[in-house]
Amino acid sequence: MADFRNNEEVYDFIGELAIALYSKKIRISLGALRMILAEKGKDYNNNRGMASGVSAAYRSWKDKDPVVYHAIAYTYTDKDGNLAWEGTSATE
């Protein structure tokens, strides 16, 4: 059984994880985030799909909490360690 009932719960989790990591100056790759979410029952299949999920979470948090919104942008990286939104390598 999945831990998430809908995409909004996934986006909330992505944001809550981002703020926790950001507060400790920790960045993680989209691949690592994908593995965490897969363990919780949400599989994005590849890093391109995960990048789309992070982008949706980013938009979801924009009006809810600008601090979390910012944390999402500066926590998740591509496979080369670049901020996910800066790079173009959101593939496996």
N, C-alpha and C. Protein backbone atom coordinates (compact mmCIF):
# COMPACT_ATOMS: atom_id res chain seq x y z
N MET A 1 0.84 -1.19 0.00
CA MET A 1 0.00 0.00 0.00
C MET A 1 0.88 1.25 0.00
N ALA A 2 0.52 2.21 -0.79
CA ALA A 2 1.28 3.45 -0.90
C ALA A 2 1.07 4.33 0.33
N ASP A 3 2.13 5.06 0.69
CA ASP A 3 2.04 5.99 1.81
C ASP A 3 1.34 7.29 1.42
N PHE A 4 1.23 7.54 0.11
CA PHE A 4 0.64 8.79 -0.36
C PHE A 4 -0.72 8.51 -0.99
N ARG A 5 -1.70 9.33 -0.65
CA ARG A 5 -3.04 9.17 -1.22
C ARG A 5 -3.20 9.93 -2.53
N ASN A 6 -2.39 10.99 -2.72
CA ASN A 6 -2.51 11.79 -3.93
C ASN A 6 -1.21 12.56 -4.16
N ASN A 7 -1.13 13.22 -5.29
CA ASN A 7 0.10 13.94 -5.63
C ASN A 7 0.38 15.08 -4.66
N GLU A 8 -0.64 15.71 -4.14
CA GLU A 8 -0.43 16.82 -3.20
C GLU A 8 0.33 16.35 -1.96
N GLU A 9 0.04 15.13 -1.50
CA GLU A 9 0.78 14.58 -0.37
C GLU A 9 2.25 14.33 -0.74
N VAL A 10 2.49 13.92 -1.97
CA VAL A 10 3.87 13.74 -2.45
C VAL A 10 4.58 15.09 -2.45
N TYR A 11 3.93 16.12 -2.98
CA TYR A 11 4.53 17.45 -3.04
C TYR A 11 4.79 18.00 -1.65
N ASP A 12 3.88 17.74 -0.73
CA ASP A 12 4.10 18.17 0.66
C ASP A 12 5.33 17.48 1.24
N PHE A 13 5.45 16.19 0.99
CA PHE A 13 6.61 15.44 1.49
C PHE A 13 7.90 15.98 0.89
N ILE A 14 7.91 16.22 -0.41
CA ILE A 14 9.11 16.75 -1.07
C ILE A 14 9.51 18.09 -0.45
N GLY A 15 8.54 18.94 -0.17
CA GLY A 15 8.82 20.24 0.46
C GLY A 15 9.29 20.11 1.89
N GLU A 16 8.63 19.24 2.66
CA GLU A 16 9.02 19.06 4.06
C GLU A 16 10.42 18.45 4.18
N LEU A 17 10.73 17.51 3.30
CA LEU A 17 12.07 16.94 3.27
C LEU A 17 13.09 18.00 2.87
N ALA A 18 12.74 18.80 1.88
CA ALA A 18 13.66 19.86 1.42
C ALA A 18 14.00 20.83 2.54
N ILE A 19 13.03 21.26 3.31
CA ILE A 19 13.31 22.24 4.37
C ILE A 19 14.16 21.60 5.47
N ALA A 20 13.91 20.33 5.77
CA ALA A 20 14.73 19.64 6.77
C ALA A 20 16.19 19.54 6.30
N LEU A 21 16.38 19.14 5.06
CA LEU A 21 17.73 19.01 4.52
C LEU A 21 18.39 20.37 4.38
N TYR A 22 17.66 21.34 3.88
CA TYR A 22 18.20 22.69 3.66
C TYR A 22 18.66 23.31 4.98
N SER A 23 17.92 23.05 6.05
CA SER A 23 18.28 23.62 7.36
C SER A 23 19.61 23.08 7.86
N LYS A 24 20.03 21.93 7.35
CA LYS A 24 21.32 21.32 7.72
C LYS A 24 22.35 21.46 6.59
N LYS A 25 22.01 22.28 5.58
CA LYS A 25 22.90 22.52 4.43
C LYS A 25 23.25 21.22 3.70
N ILE A 26 22.26 20.36 3.55
CA ILE A 26 22.43 19.09 2.86
C ILE A 26 21.69 19.15 1.53
N ARG A 27 22.37 18.71 0.48
CA ARG A 27 21.75 18.57 -0.84
C ARG A 27 21.73 17.09 -1.18
N ILE A 28 20.67 16.66 -1.88
CA ILE A 28 20.61 15.28 -2.35
C ILE A 28 20.24 15.27 -3.83
N SER A 29 20.61 14.21 -4.49
CA SER A 29 20.33 14.09 -5.92
C SER A 29 18.87 13.70 -6.15
N LEU A 30 18.42 13.96 -7.36
CA LEU A 30 17.08 13.52 -7.74
C LEU A 30 16.97 12.01 -7.64
N GLY A 31 18.06 11.31 -7.95
CA GLY A 31 18.07 9.85 -7.84
C GLY A 31 17.86 9.38 -6.41
N ALA A 32 18.50 10.06 -5.46
CA ALA A 32 18.33 9.71 -4.04
C ALA A 32 16.90 10.00 -3.59
N LEU A 33 16.37 11.14 -4.02
CA LEU A 33 14.98 11.47 -3.69
C LEU A 33 14.04 10.44 -4.30
N ARG A 34 14.32 10.03 -5.50
CA ARG A 34 13.50 9.02 -6.17
C ARG A 34 13.49 7.73 -5.38
N MET A 35 14.64 7.32 -4.84
CA MET A 35 14.71 6.09 -4.05
C MET A 35 13.92 6.24 -2.75
N ILE A 36 13.99 7.39 -2.11
CA ILE A 36 13.22 7.64 -0.88
C ILE A 36 11.73 7.53 -1.18
N LEU A 37 11.29 8.18 -2.24
CA LEU A 37 9.87 8.14 -2.58
C LEU A 37 9.42 6.75 -3.00
N ALA A 38 10.28 6.01 -3.69
CA ALA A 38 9.94 4.63 -4.07
C ALA A 38 9.72 3.78 -2.83
N GLU A 39 10.54 3.99 -1.80
CA GLU A 39 10.37 3.26 -0.53
C GLU A 39 9.02 3.59 0.11
N LYS A 40 8.51 4.77 -0.17
CA LYS A 40 7.23 5.19 0.39
C LYS A 40 6.06 4.93 -0.56
N GLY A 41 6.34 4.22 -1.66
CA GLY A 41 5.27 3.79 -2.56
C GLY A 41 5.03 4.66 -3.77
N LYS A 42 5.86 5.66 -4.03
CA LYS A 42 5.71 6.52 -5.20
C LYS A 42 6.93 6.38 -6.08
N ASP A 43 6.76 5.77 -7.26
CA ASP A 43 7.88 5.55 -8.16
C ASP A 43 7.77 6.46 -9.37
N TYR A 44 8.80 7.26 -9.59
CA TYR A 44 8.83 8.17 -10.73
C TYR A 44 9.52 7.57 -11.95
N ASN A 45 9.97 6.32 -11.89
CA ASN A 45 10.57 5.56 -13.00
C ASN A 45 11.95 6.03 -13.44
N ASN A 46 12.20 7.33 -13.50
CA ASN A 46 13.51 7.83 -13.91
C ASN A 46 13.70 9.26 -13.38
N ASN A 47 14.90 9.79 -13.54
CA ASN A 47 15.18 11.12 -12.99
C ASN A 47 14.45 12.23 -13.72
N ARG A 48 14.12 12.02 -14.99
CA ARG A 48 13.34 13.03 -15.72
C ARG A 48 11.94 13.15 -15.08
N GLY A 49 11.35 12.02 -14.76
CA GLY A 49 10.06 12.03 -14.08
C GLY A 49 10.17 12.66 -12.70
N MET A 50 11.27 12.35 -12.01
CA MET A 50 11.49 12.92 -10.68
C MET A 50 11.65 14.43 -10.77
N ALA A 51 12.35 14.91 -11.79
CA ALA A 51 12.52 16.35 -11.99
C ALA A 51 11.16 17.02 -12.19
N SER A 52 10.28 16.36 -12.91
CA SER A 52 8.92 16.90 -13.10
C SER A 52 8.17 16.94 -11.78
N GLY A 53 8.35 15.91 -10.96
CA GLY A 53 7.70 15.88 -9.65
C GLY A 53 8.21 16.98 -8.73
N VAL A 54 9.52 17.21 -8.74
CA VAL A 54 10.11 18.28 -7.92
C VAL A 54 9.62 19.64 -8.42
N SER A 55 9.53 19.79 -9.72
CA SER A 55 9.02 21.05 -10.29
C SER A 55 7.58 21.30 -9.86
N ALA A 56 6.77 20.26 -9.86
CA ALA A 56 5.37 20.39 -9.43
C ALA A 56 5.31 20.72 -7.94
N ALA A 57 6.18 20.11 -7.14
CA ALA A 57 6.22 20.42 -5.70
C ALA A 57 6.63 21.87 -5.49
N TYR A 58 7.60 22.32 -6.25
CA TYR A 58 8.08 23.71 -6.18
C TYR A 58 6.92 24.67 -6.44
N ARG A 59 6.17 24.42 -7.49
CA ARG A 59 5.00 25.28 -7.80
C ARG A 59 3.94 25.18 -6.71
N SER A 60 3.76 23.99 -6.17
CA SER A 60 2.75 23.78 -5.12
C SER A 60 3.06 24.59 -3.87
N TRP A 61 4.34 24.73 -3.53
CA TRP A 61 4.75 25.44 -2.32
C TRP A 61 4.87 26.95 -2.53
N LYS A 62 4.82 27.42 -3.76
CA LYS A 62 5.08 28.83 -4.06
C LYS A 62 4.23 29.78 -3.21
N ASP A 63 2.94 29.52 -3.12
CA ASP A 63 2.06 30.40 -2.36
C ASP A 63 1.86 29.96 -0.91
N LYS A 64 2.18 28.69 -0.61
CA LYS A 64 2.01 28.18 0.75
C LYS A 64 3.09 28.67 1.70
N ASP A 65 4.35 28.60 1.26
CA ASP A 65 5.46 28.94 2.14
C ASP A 65 6.70 29.25 1.31
N PRO A 66 7.08 30.53 1.23
CA PRO A 66 8.23 30.89 0.40
C PRO A 66 9.55 30.30 0.89
N VAL A 67 9.65 29.98 2.16
CA VAL A 67 10.89 29.38 2.68
C VAL A 67 11.04 27.95 2.15
N VAL A 68 9.97 27.19 2.18
CA VAL A 68 10.01 25.83 1.66
C VAL A 68 10.20 25.87 0.15
N TYR A 69 9.53 26.77 -0.51
CA TYR A 69 9.66 26.98 -1.96
C TYR A 69 11.13 27.18 -2.32
N HIS A 70 11.81 28.02 -1.58
CA HIS A 70 13.23 28.29 -1.79
C HIS A 70 14.07 27.04 -1.48
N ALA A 71 13.73 26.35 -0.40
CA ALA A 71 14.48 25.14 -0.01
C ALA A 71 14.41 24.07 -1.10
N ILE A 72 13.27 23.92 -1.72
CA ILE A 72 13.14 22.93 -2.80
C ILE A 72 14.12 23.27 -3.92
N ALA A 73 14.19 24.54 -4.27
CA ALA A 73 15.06 24.96 -5.37
C ALA A 73 16.54 24.73 -5.08
N TYR A 74 16.92 24.78 -3.80
CA TYR A 74 18.34 24.70 -3.45
C TYR A 74 18.75 23.42 -2.74
N THR A 75 17.89 22.40 -2.75
CA THR A 75 18.20 21.14 -2.08
C THR A 75 18.45 20.00 -3.05
N TYR A 76 17.69 19.92 -4.11
CA TYR A 76 17.76 18.76 -5.00
C TYR A 76 18.68 19.04 -6.19
N THR A 77 19.56 18.07 -6.46
CA THR A 77 20.58 18.24 -7.50
C THR A 77 20.43 17.19 -8.61
N ASP A 78 21.06 17.46 -9.73
CA ASP A 78 21.12 16.45 -10.78
C ASP A 78 22.23 15.45 -10.44
N LYS A 79 22.46 14.51 -11.32
CA LYS A 79 23.45 13.45 -11.04
C LYS A 79 24.87 13.97 -10.92
N ASP A 80 25.14 15.17 -11.44
CA ASP A 80 26.47 15.76 -11.37
C ASP A 80 26.64 16.71 -10.19
N GLY A 81 25.61 16.84 -9.35
CA GLY A 81 25.69 17.70 -8.19
C GLY A 81 25.27 19.14 -8.44
N ASN A 82 24.81 19.44 -9.66
CA ASN A 82 24.32 20.79 -9.96
C ASN A 82 22.88 20.91 -9.49
N LEU A 83 22.47 22.10 -9.14
CA LEU A 83 21.08 22.30 -8.78
C LEU A 83 20.21 21.81 -9.93
N ALA A 84 19.18 21.08 -9.60
CA ALA A 84 18.38 20.40 -10.61
C ALA A 84 17.82 21.35 -11.66
N TRP A 85 17.47 22.55 -11.26
CA TRP A 85 16.88 23.50 -12.21
C TRP A 85 17.93 24.21 -13.05
N GLU A 86 19.19 24.11 -12.67
CA GLU A 86 20.26 24.75 -13.45
C GLU A 86 20.77 23.86 -14.56
N GLY A 87 20.78 22.56 -14.31
CA GLY A 87 21.37 21.63 -15.26
C GLY A 87 20.39 21.21 -16.33
N THR A 88 20.92 20.51 -17.29
CA THR A 88 20.08 19.96 -18.35
C THR A 88 20.14 18.46 -18.37
N SER A 89 20.78 17.85 -17.35
CA SER A 89 20.98 16.40 -17.36
C SER A 89 20.03 15.71 -16.39
N ALA A 90 18.74 15.92 -16.55
CA ALA A 90 17.76 15.29 -15.68
C ALA A 90 17.40 13.89 -16.17
N THR A 91 18.31 13.24 -16.86
CA THR A 91 18.10 11.88 -17.31
C THR A 91 18.99 10.95 -16.51
N GLU A 92 18.73 9.66 -16.62
CA GLU A 92 19.55 8.69 -15.89
C GLU A 92 20.92 8.56 -16.50
